[in-house]
């Protein structure tokens, strides 16, 4: 995959990988609005299915470690 994950996408995937909900790192009403766009993008990339991280999402997240 050639998509570079944004900080918001990394945070969301990290929350899911840790067994937390997709919105566990979000606070404030406006952040929830922006998070919906992040969810849709991650789903369209195949990195999330429903509100769960996919195997591809785990690979993408692991590829950001240390960068």
Protein backbone atom coordinates (compact mmCIF):
# COMPACT_ATOMS: atom_id res chain seq x y z
CA UNK A 1 0.00 0.00 0.00
CA UNK A 2 1.31 3.45 -0.88
CA UNK A 3 -0.95 5.44 1.45
CA UNK A 4 0.97 7.30 4.16
CA UNK A 5 -1.00 7.21 7.39
CA UNK A 6 -1.84 10.50 9.03
CA UNK A 7 -1.32 11.00 12.78
CA UNK A 8 -5.09 10.70 13.30
CA UNK A 9 -5.18 7.41 11.39
CA UNK A 10 -2.23 6.06 13.37
CA UNK A 11 -3.88 7.01 16.68
CA UNK A 12 -7.14 5.35 15.68
CA UNK A 13 -5.44 2.15 14.52
CA UNK A 14 -3.28 2.09 17.66
CA UNK A 15 -6.39 2.36 19.85
CA UNK A 16 -8.01 -0.53 18.00
CA UNK A 17 -4.84 -2.64 18.09
CA UNK A 18 -4.67 -2.14 21.86
CA UNK A 19 -8.21 -3.43 22.25
CA UNK A 20 -9.79 -0.05 22.87
CA UNK A 21 -12.64 1.54 20.93
CA UNK A 22 -11.89 3.61 17.83
CA UNK A 23 -12.79 6.79 19.69
CA UNK A 24 -10.99 6.15 22.98
CA UNK A 25 -8.29 8.74 22.21
CA UNK A 26 -10.73 11.49 21.16
CA UNK A 27 -12.03 14.33 23.30
CA UNK A 28 -14.26 17.20 22.30
CA UNK A 29 -17.23 17.44 19.99
CA UNK A 30 -15.36 18.74 16.95
CA UNK A 31 -12.85 15.90 17.20
CA UNK A 32 -15.67 13.38 16.76
CA UNK A 33 -16.73 15.03 13.52
CA UNK A 34 -13.23 14.78 12.10
CA UNK A 35 -12.89 11.23 13.40
CA UNK A 36 -15.81 10.08 11.28
CA UNK A 37 -13.87 11.04 8.15
CA UNK A 38 -10.88 9.10 9.50
CA UNK A 39 -13.04 6.01 10.08
CA UNK A 40 -14.42 6.17 6.54
CA UNK A 41 -10.96 6.56 5.03
CA UNK A 42 -9.52 3.66 7.02
CA UNK A 43 -12.48 1.50 6.01
CA UNK A 44 -12.08 2.43 2.35
CA UNK A 45 -8.39 1.49 2.54
CA UNK A 46 -9.29 -1.87 4.09
CA UNK A 47 -7.52 -1.04 7.35
CA UNK A 48 -10.74 -1.16 9.36
CA UNK A 49 -13.80 -3.37 8.99
CA UNK A 50 -16.74 -2.00 10.89
CA UNK A 51 -15.11 -0.67 14.04
CA UNK A 52 -12.31 -3.26 14.16
CA UNK A 53 -8.77 -3.22 12.83
CA UNK A 54 -8.02 -5.62 9.98
CA UNK A 55 -4.84 -7.62 9.41
CA UNK A 56 -3.90 -5.04 6.77
CA UNK A 57 -4.45 -2.33 9.38
CA UNK A 58 -2.06 -4.08 11.76
CA UNK A 59 0.57 -4.34 9.03
CA UNK A 60 0.17 -0.66 8.14
CA UNK A 61 0.42 0.32 11.81
CA UNK A 62 3.51 -1.83 12.33
CA UNK A 63 5.11 -0.20 9.27
CA UNK A 64 4.83 3.20 11.00
CA UNK A 65 6.65 2.07 14.16
CA UNK A 66 9.91 3.88 14.65
CA UNK A 67 9.24 6.43 11.91
